[in-house]
Amino acid sequence: MKKFSTLQLTEQLNMDKETPGSISCPEPTIALLHSYDLIDDFLDSLNISFETFCKEFVGSWTFGYINALKQAGVRPVLFCISATVDKPSRFLHVPTDTLICVLPPSGIYHAYRGVRRKSLNLYGASEKQSFKDIQDTNILRRSLLTPVKDLAKSVGSYLSTPLGVLARELRRENCQALLCQEYEYARFDACVLLGQLMKLPVFVTFQGGNKTESWLEILPRQLSMRACTGAIIATQTEIQRVRSGYGVSNSKIARIFNPVDVAKWQAVDRHEARAALNIPLEARVVVWHGRVEIERKGLDVLLEAWQQICAERSDKELRLLLVGTGSEAEQLRQRLEAMQLRGVLWLNEFVSDRTVIQRYLSAANIYAFPSRLEGFPVAPIEAMSCSLPVVAADAPGVPDILEEGEASGGLVVPRSDAKALALALGRILDDEAWSRQLGENARRRAESCFSPEVIGKQLRDVLLNPST
C-alpha cells in the first residue's frame, strides 16, 4: 500500500495536531477495531488504496455498524493499524463522515515482518498471501510446515497491536467501549487485556472467523471470551458453538444482525438498468457481487450450476452477471475461458459506487449466493433491499437471513451442491410471477430486520448498557 504523505493527511482531515487531554464530545463514543494485523493487508486483498478506502469504500460490516451507530446517536471511531504511518494519524471517512485513527504497529512487529517476509520467500509464497498457503509439492513437508506457519501468524498478530499507543488514543477520543471485529483473532485478546487495564468494556462481533489460528491462541482465547463484556453474534449455529466451546453464558451474547442501509439500497428501473448494460429486456438474468475468492465464495459451484441452467434452457436468452474482483480474479478468468459459458458478463474491478452495483442488481431477476463460508453476509441483504429473490447456499448466516424461507424472499440450498443451486435458480427463472412475489417478500424482510434504525438501537442498548 502506498505510503501516506503529509499532504494527504492535511487534505483529508487536519486533526493530527498533538493536543493534551481527551476530545470533548456530547455523544457517547465507541471504538471499532479491525481484526487484520494491518489494514494494509485488507486493502491489498481488494487492490485499493487507503485514499480510496477513505473517500469511497462503504462495504464490509464496519461501515454498516458505523451507519447504524450514528443513527442511534453514538459517535464511532474506526481504529486501524498500518505500517505506512510512524505516528497516530487521523483521516476522515467521507461517505459516513467518520474519524479513522490510524496507528503504527508496535516496534517489534517491524522486525517480525522482515523475518516473515524472508520465510514466505523461502517457501514460495508472497507477502500478499500473508502466510495463507505453504507452496510445497511434498504433502508430508507441507503438513509439517502448516502448523509452524499458523504459529508464526499468531505471533505476528499479537505483536502488531500497539497497546500503549492505542490506550492513549482511546483516552484522547474519550471512548466509552471497544468493539472488535472478530473473537477468533489475536487482536481481540490484546483488546480484552487493554480493556481490563483501562477498565473499559470490550465487545466483539462475529463476522466469519470460527476457528482459532494456532495452539498459541487457545488459552488466551478461553480467558478473553470469559473476560470480555459481551459478544454480538447474528447466527444461531455460531451462538451454539460459542456456548459449548467457550462456556459463554446466554447473558453475554446478543443476537444482532449486521445492518444494511435499506433506504439507499433500492431498485432502479429495470429497463433503464438493462439498457445501460446492453442486456435484452426479454433475458432472464442472475447476478452475484462480492470478492472473488473462488472456494470461499463458491464461484466454482455457481459456474457449474450456470452451465446446467444454460444446457436445460437452450432456447432462452440468459445472462449471468458477476460484479467484483479479488485475489483470485485471474483464476476466475481462466475458468471462464476454459468453460466457455453462455451469457456471462463480468465486471472485474472493485466497485465502490453503490449506484453501479444497484444498476447490476436492478437488471437481474434473481440473486445467487453460493458461498461456502461466511459470518453474516450483507451482500444478499443488499440484493433483497433491491427486491431480488435470493437463492443461497446454507453458509453460516444465510439460514438466519432467510429464516422463514420463501416468506423471507428466498431459497436455501446445500453448500457445494451445483445441481441443487441450478434447480432452485431454474425454478425461479421459469416462474416470473413467483419471482416477483419472492422479491417483494425479500424487500419487506430487509426493511423490518436489517435497517440501520432497527440495528442501531439494538447496538446502542448493548454497548452502552452492558449490565442490562
Protein backbone atom coordinates (compact mmCIF):
# COMPACT_ATOMS: atom_id res chain seq x y z
CA MET A 1 0.00 0.00 0.00
CA LYS A 2 1.27 3.46 -0.89
CA LYS A 3 2.76 5.43 1.97
CA PHE A 4 0.62 8.31 3.23
CA SER A 5 2.18 11.72 2.70
CA THR A 6 1.89 14.76 4.97
CA LEU A 7 -0.07 16.44 2.19
CA GLN A 8 -2.59 13.59 2.09
CA LEU A 9 -3.06 13.82 5.83
CA THR A 10 -3.69 17.55 5.67
CA GLU A 11 -6.03 17.29 2.70
CA GLN A 12 -8.26 14.67 4.30
CA LEU A 13 -8.54 15.93 7.83
CA ASN A 14 -6.49 18.43 9.78
CA MET A 15 -6.72 16.50 13.05
CA ASP A 16 -3.15 15.37 13.53
CA LYS A 17 -2.04 18.07 15.97
CA GLU A 18 -0.85 16.94 19.37
CA THR A 19 -3.44 18.22 21.84
CA PRO A 20 -3.41 17.31 25.50
CA GLY A 21 -6.31 15.57 27.17
CA SER A 22 -9.29 13.92 25.59
CA ILE A 23 -11.61 15.26 22.92
CA SER A 24 -14.84 16.68 24.31
CA CYS A 25 -17.87 15.18 22.57
CA PRO A 26 -21.52 15.28 23.68
CA GLU A 27 -22.23 11.90 22.08
CA PRO A 28 -21.06 8.59 23.56
CA THR A 29 -18.07 7.25 21.62
CA ILE A 30 -17.36 3.66 20.61
CA ALA A 31 -14.01 2.46 19.23
CA LEU A 32 -14.16 -0.09 16.39
CA LEU A 33 -11.08 -2.21 15.66
CA HIS A 34 -10.50 -4.38 12.60
CA SER A 35 -9.09 -7.89 13.00
CA TYR A 36 -6.32 -7.82 10.37
CA ASP A 37 -2.75 -7.44 11.59
CA LEU A 38 -2.60 -4.37 9.33
CA ILE A 39 -5.32 -2.59 7.40
CA ASP A 40 -2.79 -2.71 4.55
CA ASP A 41 -3.42 -6.46 4.19
CA PHE A 42 -7.17 -5.93 3.77
CA LEU A 43 -6.72 -3.15 1.23
CA ASP A 44 -4.16 -5.15 -0.73
CA SER A 45 -6.63 -8.03 -1.00
CA LEU A 46 -9.06 -5.62 -2.70
CA ASN A 47 -6.32 -3.87 -4.70
CA ILE A 48 -7.43 -0.45 -3.48
CA SER A 49 -5.52 2.42 -1.88
CA PHE A 50 -6.12 3.88 1.54
CA GLU A 51 -7.23 7.07 -0.17
CA THR A 52 -9.98 5.15 -1.98
CA PHE A 53 -10.90 3.48 1.30
CA CYS A 54 -11.39 6.90 2.89
CA LYS A 55 -13.18 8.56 0.01
CA GLU A 56 -15.34 5.78 -1.44
CA PHE A 57 -15.38 2.47 0.42
CA VAL A 58 -18.69 1.58 2.10
CA GLY A 59 -18.60 -2.22 2.01
CA SER A 60 -17.98 -4.70 4.84
CA TRP A 61 -19.57 -4.98 8.28
CA THR A 62 -17.61 -1.97 9.53
CA PHE A 63 -19.46 0.83 7.80
CA GLY A 64 -22.82 -0.85 8.26
CA TYR A 65 -22.17 -0.75 12.00
CA ILE A 66 -20.89 2.82 11.78
CA ASN A 67 -24.00 3.99 9.96
CA ALA A 68 -26.29 2.23 12.43
CA LEU A 69 -24.45 3.61 15.46
CA LYS A 70 -24.54 7.15 14.12
CA GLN A 71 -28.29 6.91 13.55
CA ALA A 72 -28.63 5.83 17.18
CA GLY A 73 -26.74 8.91 18.41
CA VAL A 74 -23.42 7.15 19.01
CA ARG A 75 -20.09 8.50 17.72
CA PRO A 76 -17.96 5.69 16.23
CA VAL A 77 -14.20 5.98 15.73
CA LEU A 78 -12.51 3.40 13.50
CA PHE A 79 -9.03 2.41 14.68
CA CYS A 80 -6.69 0.83 12.11
CA ILE A 81 -3.10 -0.39 12.32
CA SER A 82 -0.82 0.40 9.37
CA ALA A 83 2.88 0.03 8.66
CA THR A 84 2.68 3.15 6.48
CA VAL A 85 2.49 5.60 9.39
CA ASP A 86 5.03 6.25 12.14
CA LYS A 87 2.70 8.13 14.50
CA PRO A 88 -1.05 8.26 15.17
CA SER A 89 -2.69 9.91 12.16
CA ARG A 90 -6.26 10.97 11.63
CA PHE A 91 -8.34 10.75 8.48
CA LEU A 92 -11.96 11.24 7.51
CA HIS A 93 -14.10 8.51 6.01
CA VAL A 94 -16.02 10.75 3.64
CA PRO A 95 -19.17 8.68 2.94
CA THR A 96 -20.01 8.30 6.65
CA ASP A 97 -18.26 11.43 7.99
CA THR A 98 -16.40 9.22 10.47
CA LEU A 99 -12.98 9.61 12.05
CA ILE A 100 -10.38 6.97 11.17
CA CYS A 101 -7.46 6.87 13.59
CA VAL A 102 -4.50 5.07 12.00
CA LEU A 103 -1.83 3.79 14.40
CA PRO A 104 1.65 2.42 13.68
CA PRO A 105 2.21 -1.20 14.73
CA SER A 106 4.39 -1.93 17.72
CA GLY A 107 8.11 -1.52 17.13
CA ILE A 108 8.87 -5.24 17.42
CA TYR A 109 6.32 -6.02 14.73
CA HIS A 110 8.50 -4.45 12.03
CA ALA A 111 11.30 -6.88 12.89
CA TYR A 112 8.83 -9.76 12.84
CA ARG A 113 7.51 -8.64 9.45
CA GLY A 114 11.00 -8.78 8.00
CA VAL A 115 11.52 -12.33 9.25
CA ARG A 116 8.10 -13.33 7.95
CA ARG A 117 8.85 -11.95 4.50
CA LYS A 118 12.04 -14.00 4.26
CA SER A 119 10.15 -17.11 5.37
CA LEU A 120 7.45 -16.57 2.77
CA ASN A 121 10.04 -16.19 0.05
CA LEU A 122 11.76 -19.36 1.21
CA TYR A 123 8.60 -21.42 0.76
CA GLY A 124 7.44 -19.82 -2.45
CA ALA A 125 4.72 -17.56 -1.05
CA SER A 126 4.39 -13.81 -1.40
CA GLU A 127 3.88 -11.09 1.21
CA LYS A 128 0.33 -10.59 -0.02
CA GLN A 129 -0.51 -14.20 0.80
CA SER A 130 0.17 -13.42 4.47
CA PHE A 131 1.11 -16.99 5.23
CA LYS A 132 -2.10 -18.18 3.62
CA ASP A 133 -0.53 -21.14 1.83
CA ILE A 134 2.66 -23.15 2.02
CA GLN A 135 3.72 -23.80 -1.56
CA ASP A 136 5.36 -27.20 -1.36
CA THR A 137 4.59 -30.23 -3.52
CA ASN A 138 5.68 -32.63 -0.76
CA ILE A 139 2.49 -33.41 1.19
CA LEU A 140 4.30 -34.53 4.36
CA ARG A 141 6.54 -31.48 4.43
CA ARG A 142 3.61 -29.19 3.77
CA SER A 143 1.61 -30.76 6.61
CA LEU A 144 4.53 -30.24 8.98
CA LEU A 145 5.09 -26.65 7.90
CA THR A 146 1.44 -25.63 8.16
CA PRO A 147 1.29 -25.54 12.00
CA VAL A 148 4.58 -23.63 12.01
CA LYS A 149 3.05 -21.14 9.60
CA ASP A 150 -0.07 -20.82 11.79
CA LEU A 151 2.05 -20.28 14.89
CA ALA A 152 4.07 -17.57 13.17
CA LYS A 153 0.85 -15.88 12.07
CA SER A 154 -0.43 -15.86 15.66
CA VAL A 155 2.82 -14.38 16.96
CA GLY A 156 2.65 -11.59 14.40
CA SER A 157 -0.97 -10.85 15.18
CA TYR A 158 -0.21 -10.42 18.88
CA LEU A 159 2.81 -8.24 18.13
CA SER A 160 1.01 -5.93 15.69
CA THR A 161 -1.24 -4.20 18.24
CA PRO A 162 0.47 -1.16 19.85
CA LEU A 163 -1.25 -1.32 23.22
CA GLY A 164 0.33 1.78 24.74
CA VAL A 165 -0.40 3.98 21.72
CA LEU A 166 -3.91 2.57 21.41
CA ALA A 167 -4.62 3.29 25.10
CA ARG A 168 -3.51 6.90 24.71
CA GLU A 169 -5.67 7.43 21.62
CA LEU A 170 -8.70 5.78 23.23
CA ARG A 171 -8.41 8.28 26.08
CA ARG A 172 -7.92 11.14 23.67
CA GLU A 173 -11.11 10.21 21.83
CA ASN A 174 -12.95 9.63 25.13
CA CYS A 175 -14.09 6.16 24.04
CA GLN A 176 -16.58 4.50 26.37
CA ALA A 177 -16.19 0.99 24.94
CA LEU A 178 -14.23 -1.08 22.41
CA LEU A 179 -15.84 -3.20 19.71
CA CYS A 180 -13.58 -5.76 17.98
CA GLN A 181 -14.32 -7.29 14.61
CA GLU A 182 -13.72 -10.97 15.48
CA TYR A 183 -13.06 -13.06 18.58
CA GLU A 184 -11.07 -15.75 16.74
CA TYR A 185 -8.27 -13.28 16.03
CA ALA A 186 -5.39 -12.29 18.28
CA ARG A 187 -6.31 -8.60 18.31
CA PHE A 188 -9.37 -9.46 20.38
CA ASP A 189 -7.18 -10.99 23.10
CA ALA A 190 -4.98 -7.88 23.11
CA CYS A 191 -8.01 -5.58 23.36
CA VAL A 192 -9.54 -7.54 26.23
CA LEU A 193 -6.26 -7.22 28.14
CA LEU A 194 -6.19 -3.50 27.41
CA GLY A 195 -9.82 -3.14 28.45
CA GLN A 196 -9.05 -4.81 31.78
CA LEU A 197 -6.17 -2.40 32.39
CA MET A 198 -8.17 0.67 31.35
CA LYS A 199 -11.42 -0.51 32.94
CA LEU A 200 -13.23 -0.21 29.61
CA PRO A 201 -15.89 -2.66 28.42
CA VAL A 202 -14.78 -4.74 25.41
CA PHE A 203 -17.29 -6.24 23.00
CA VAL A 204 -16.72 -8.36 19.94
CA THR A 205 -18.68 -9.35 16.83
CA PHE A 206 -18.74 -12.49 14.72
CA GLN A 207 -18.05 -11.88 11.04
CA GLY A 208 -16.90 -15.32 9.92
CA GLY A 209 -13.85 -16.24 11.99
CA ASN A 210 -14.88 -19.56 13.51
CA LYS A 211 -11.62 -21.27 14.42
CA THR A 212 -8.50 -20.46 16.43
CA GLU A 213 -5.41 -19.75 14.33
CA SER A 214 -2.92 -21.85 16.33
CA TRP A 215 -2.36 -23.56 19.70
CA LEU A 216 -0.74 -20.36 20.96
CA GLU A 217 -4.14 -18.66 20.98
CA ILE A 218 -6.13 -21.41 22.72
CA LEU A 219 -5.60 -20.39 26.34
CA PRO A 220 -5.69 -16.60 25.74
CA ARG A 221 -8.91 -17.05 23.75
CA GLN A 222 -10.58 -19.01 26.51
CA LEU A 223 -9.64 -16.32 29.01
CA SER A 224 -10.66 -13.48 26.69
CA MET A 225 -14.07 -14.95 25.92
CA ARG A 226 -14.77 -15.19 29.63
CA ALA A 227 -13.36 -11.74 30.43
CA CYS A 228 -14.93 -9.72 27.61
CA THR A 229 -18.09 -7.76 28.32
CA GLY A 230 -20.16 -9.31 25.57
CA ALA A 231 -20.31 -10.87 22.11
CA ILE A 232 -22.58 -9.81 19.25
CA ILE A 233 -23.41 -12.86 17.14
CA ALA A 234 -26.10 -12.98 14.49
CA THR A 235 -26.18 -16.68 13.66
CA GLN A 236 -27.75 -19.38 15.78
CA THR A 237 -25.16 -22.01 14.80
CA GLU A 238 -22.29 -19.80 15.93
CA ILE A 239 -24.05 -18.95 19.18
CA GLN A 240 -24.27 -22.66 19.91
CA ARG A 241 -20.57 -23.13 19.09
CA VAL A 242 -19.52 -20.30 21.40
CA ARG A 243 -21.73 -21.55 24.22
CA SER A 244 -20.41 -25.09 24.06
CA GLY A 245 -16.79 -24.34 23.12
CA TYR A 246 -16.14 -21.40 25.44
CA GLY A 247 -18.77 -21.81 28.12
CA VAL A 248 -20.08 -18.30 27.50
CA SER A 249 -23.38 -17.64 29.21
CA ASN A 250 -26.51 -16.53 27.37
CA SER A 251 -26.40 -13.20 29.19
CA LYS A 252 -23.12 -12.26 27.44
CA ILE A 253 -24.39 -12.98 23.91
CA ALA A 254 -26.57 -10.57 21.94
CA ARG A 255 -28.14 -11.80 18.72
CA ILE A 256 -28.00 -8.74 16.46
CA PHE A 257 -27.95 -8.83 12.66
CA ASN A 258 -25.49 -6.87 10.53
CA PRO A 259 -27.18 -3.68 9.33
CA VAL A 260 -27.67 -2.60 5.72
CA ASP A 261 -28.77 0.87 4.66
CA VAL A 262 -32.03 -0.39 3.18
CA ALA A 263 -33.24 3.10 2.32
CA LYS A 264 -30.31 3.62 -0.05
CA TRP A 265 -30.27 0.08 -1.46
CA GLN A 266 -33.33 0.28 -3.67
CA ALA A 267 -34.01 -0.98 -7.16
CA VAL A 268 -33.87 1.39 -10.10
CA ASP A 269 -35.94 0.95 -13.27
CA ARG A 270 -35.09 -2.46 -14.76
CA HIS A 271 -35.48 -1.27 -18.35
CA GLU A 272 -33.03 1.57 -17.79
CA ALA A 273 -30.58 -0.72 -15.97
CA ARG A 274 -30.63 -3.25 -18.78
CA ALA A 275 -30.30 -0.61 -21.45
CA ALA A 276 -27.17 0.72 -19.71
CA LEU A 277 -25.69 -2.81 -19.62
CA ASN A 278 -26.87 -3.75 -23.13
CA ILE A 279 -28.99 -6.63 -21.82
CA PRO A 280 -32.16 -7.58 -23.76
CA LEU A 281 -35.43 -6.91 -21.93
CA GLU A 282 -36.62 -10.48 -22.51
CA ALA A 283 -33.50 -12.04 -20.96
CA ARG A 284 -33.64 -13.88 -17.65
CA VAL A 285 -30.77 -12.65 -15.51
CA VAL A 286 -28.93 -13.97 -12.44
CA VAL A 287 -26.49 -11.71 -10.56
CA TRP A 288 -23.75 -12.12 -7.95
CA HIS A 289 -21.48 -9.48 -6.39
CA GLY A 290 -18.60 -9.62 -3.93
CA ARG A 291 -14.93 -10.50 -3.54
CA VAL A 292 -13.53 -13.01 -5.99
CA GLU A 293 -12.38 -15.89 -3.77
CA ILE A 294 -13.40 -19.00 -5.67
CA GLU A 295 -13.50 -21.64 -2.94
CA ARG A 296 -14.81 -19.46 -0.10
CA LYS A 297 -17.42 -17.68 -2.20
CA GLY A 298 -18.47 -20.82 -4.09
CA LEU A 299 -17.93 -19.32 -7.51
CA ASP A 300 -16.93 -22.73 -8.89
CA VAL A 301 -20.33 -24.03 -7.81
CA LEU A 302 -22.12 -21.08 -9.41
CA LEU A 303 -20.36 -21.58 -12.74
CA GLU A 304 -21.16 -25.30 -12.75
CA ALA A 305 -24.79 -24.52 -11.93
CA TRP A 306 -24.93 -21.91 -14.67
CA GLN A 307 -23.61 -24.43 -17.16
CA GLN A 308 -26.51 -26.75 -16.26
CA ILE A 309 -29.07 -23.93 -16.41
CA CYS A 310 -27.95 -22.94 -19.90
CA ALA A 311 -27.93 -26.55 -21.13
CA GLU A 312 -31.52 -27.04 -19.96
CA ARG A 313 -32.73 -23.74 -21.48
CA SER A 314 -31.01 -23.56 -24.83
CA ASP A 315 -33.95 -21.63 -26.32
CA LYS A 316 -33.90 -18.84 -23.72
CA GLU A 317 -31.94 -15.60 -23.51
CA LEU A 318 -29.88 -15.92 -20.32
CA ARG A 319 -27.33 -13.75 -18.55
CA LEU A 320 -25.11 -14.28 -15.52
CA LEU A 321 -23.74 -11.02 -14.11
CA LEU A 322 -20.63 -11.17 -11.90
CA VAL A 323 -19.59 -7.95 -10.17
CA GLY A 324 -16.32 -7.65 -8.28
CA THR A 325 -12.69 -8.61 -8.16
CA GLY A 326 -10.27 -10.07 -5.65
CA SER A 327 -7.18 -12.13 -5.02
CA GLU A 328 -8.32 -14.95 -7.33
CA ALA A 329 -9.55 -12.88 -10.28
CA GLU A 330 -7.01 -14.45 -12.61
CA GLN A 331 -8.11 -17.97 -11.65
CA LEU A 332 -11.72 -16.98 -12.32
CA ARG A 333 -10.77 -15.59 -15.71
CA GLN A 334 -9.06 -18.87 -16.59
CA ARG A 335 -12.13 -20.87 -15.52
CA LEU A 336 -14.43 -18.74 -17.63
CA GLU A 337 -12.18 -19.12 -20.65
CA ALA A 338 -11.96 -22.89 -20.19
CA MET A 339 -15.71 -23.42 -19.63
CA GLN A 340 -16.87 -21.12 -22.47
CA LEU A 341 -20.15 -20.40 -20.70
CA ARG A 342 -23.01 -18.65 -22.43
CA GLY A 343 -24.17 -15.20 -21.36
CA VAL A 344 -21.60 -14.39 -18.65
CA LEU A 345 -20.84 -10.70 -18.08
CA TRP A 346 -18.11 -9.97 -15.52
CA LEU A 347 -17.20 -6.54 -14.18
CA ASN A 348 -13.69 -7.40 -12.98
CA GLU A 349 -13.00 -4.41 -10.77
CA PHE A 350 -13.51 -3.16 -7.25
CA VAL A 351 -16.78 -1.22 -7.28
CA SER A 352 -17.20 1.39 -4.56
CA ASP A 353 -20.01 3.30 -6.27
CA ARG A 354 -23.29 1.99 -4.86
CA THR A 355 -25.20 3.18 -7.92
CA VAL A 356 -23.13 0.91 -10.17
CA ILE A 357 -23.88 -2.16 -8.04
CA GLN A 358 -27.55 -1.17 -7.85
CA ARG A 359 -27.68 -0.99 -11.64
CA TYR A 360 -26.44 -4.58 -11.92
CA LEU A 361 -28.77 -5.78 -9.18
CA SER A 362 -31.72 -3.96 -10.74
CA ALA A 363 -31.02 -5.51 -14.14
CA ALA A 364 -31.39 -9.02 -12.68
CA ASN A 365 -34.28 -11.32 -11.87
CA ILE A 366 -32.54 -13.37 -9.18
CA TYR A 367 -29.58 -13.05 -6.84
CA ALA A 368 -27.27 -16.07 -6.40
CA PHE A 369 -25.18 -16.51 -3.26
CA PRO A 370 -23.22 -19.79 -3.40
CA SER A 371 -20.72 -19.11 -0.58
CA ARG A 372 -19.25 -21.94 1.46
CA LEU A 373 -18.02 -19.78 4.34
CA GLU A 374 -19.46 -16.53 5.70
CA GLY A 375 -20.02 -14.82 9.02
CA PHE A 376 -23.15 -12.80 8.46
CA PRO A 377 -23.09 -11.66 4.83
CA VAL A 378 -24.55 -8.31 3.78
CA ALA A 379 -24.43 -8.92 0.01
CA PRO A 380 -27.67 -10.94 -0.11
CA ILE A 381 -29.39 -8.33 2.09
CA GLU A 382 -28.34 -5.63 -0.37
CA ALA A 383 -29.95 -7.70 -3.12
CA MET A 384 -33.08 -8.24 -1.01
CA SER A 385 -33.28 -4.48 -0.47
CA CYS A 386 -33.39 -4.15 -4.26
CA SER A 387 -36.40 -6.51 -4.31
CA LEU A 388 -34.49 -9.50 -5.67
CA PRO A 389 -35.33 -13.08 -4.67
CA VAL A 390 -32.27 -14.85 -3.31
CA VAL A 391 -31.03 -18.39 -3.87
CA ALA A 392 -28.25 -19.03 -1.37
CA ALA A 393 -26.12 -21.87 -0.09
CA ASP A 394 -26.51 -22.68 3.59
CA ALA A 395 -23.28 -20.98 4.67
CA PRO A 396 -23.26 -19.59 8.23
CA GLY A 397 -25.58 -16.61 8.47
CA VAL A 398 -27.68 -17.44 5.43
CA PRO A 399 -30.31 -19.54 7.25
CA ASP A 400 -30.68 -16.64 9.71
CA ILE A 401 -31.20 -14.11 6.92
CA LEU A 402 -33.75 -16.33 5.19
CA GLU A 403 -35.06 -18.00 8.34
CA GLU A 404 -38.65 -18.04 7.07
CA GLY A 405 -37.70 -19.42 3.65
CA GLU A 406 -39.93 -18.15 0.87
CA ALA A 407 -41.64 -15.72 3.25
CA SER A 408 -38.22 -14.12 3.74
CA GLY A 409 -37.70 -13.85 0.00
CA GLY A 410 -35.53 -16.77 -0.96
CA LEU A 411 -34.49 -20.40 -1.12
CA VAL A 412 -31.62 -22.05 0.76
CA VAL A 413 -29.71 -24.97 -0.81
CA PRO A 414 -26.85 -27.17 0.45
CA ARG A 415 -23.32 -25.83 0.09
CA SER A 416 -21.14 -27.14 -2.76
CA ASP A 417 -24.19 -28.64 -4.50
CA ALA A 418 -24.25 -27.26 -8.03
CA LYS A 419 -27.27 -29.36 -9.03
CA ALA A 420 -29.36 -28.07 -6.12
CA LEU A 421 -28.30 -24.49 -6.88
CA ALA A 422 -29.17 -24.91 -10.57
CA LEU A 423 -32.56 -26.44 -9.73
CA ALA A 424 -33.51 -23.62 -7.35
CA LEU A 425 -32.34 -20.87 -9.69
CA GLY A 426 -34.09 -22.56 -12.60
CA ARG A 427 -37.41 -22.80 -10.74
CA ILE A 428 -37.45 -19.06 -10.12
CA LEU A 429 -36.15 -18.21 -13.60
CA ASP A 430 -39.04 -20.17 -15.12
CA ASP A 431 -41.78 -18.55 -12.99
CA GLU A 432 -41.85 -14.78 -13.32
CA ALA A 433 -44.90 -14.27 -11.08
CA TRP A 434 -43.33 -16.27 -8.25
CA SER A 435 -40.05 -14.41 -8.78
CA ARG A 436 -41.79 -11.05 -8.30
CA GLN A 437 -43.58 -12.27 -5.16
CA LEU A 438 -40.34 -13.53 -3.64
CA GLY A 439 -38.72 -10.18 -4.46
CA GLU A 440 -41.48 -8.32 -2.61
CA ASN A 441 -41.05 -10.64 0.37
CA ALA A 442 -37.30 -10.01 0.31
CA ARG A 443 -37.74 -6.25 0.43
CA ARG A 444 -40.12 -6.46 3.39
CA ARG A 445 -37.71 -8.73 5.24
CA ALA A 446 -34.83 -6.30 4.66
CA GLU A 447 -36.84 -3.31 5.88
CA SER A 448 -38.10 -4.98 9.05
CA CYS A 449 -34.95 -6.80 10.18
CA PHE A 450 -31.78 -5.20 8.82
CA SER A 451 -32.27 -1.43 8.63
CA PRO A 452 -29.79 0.83 10.47
CA GLU A 453 -32.62 2.32 12.53
CA VAL A 454 -33.54 -1.10 13.93
CA ILE A 455 -29.98 -2.39 14.39
CA GLY A 456 -28.57 0.92 15.69
CA LYS A 457 -30.92 0.96 18.67
CA GLN A 458 -30.06 -2.66 19.48
CA LEU A 459 -26.32 -1.93 19.31
CA ARG A 460 -26.61 1.17 21.48
CA ASP A 461 -28.56 -0.71 24.14
CA VAL A 462 -25.94 -3.46 24.30
CA LEU A 463 -22.74 -1.41 24.02
CA LEU A 464 -23.66 1.40 26.36
CA ASN A 465 -25.71 -0.54 28.90
CA PRO A 466 -23.67 -3.72 29.40
CA SER A 467 -25.24 -4.51 32.76
CA THR A 468 -28.82 -4.61 31.43
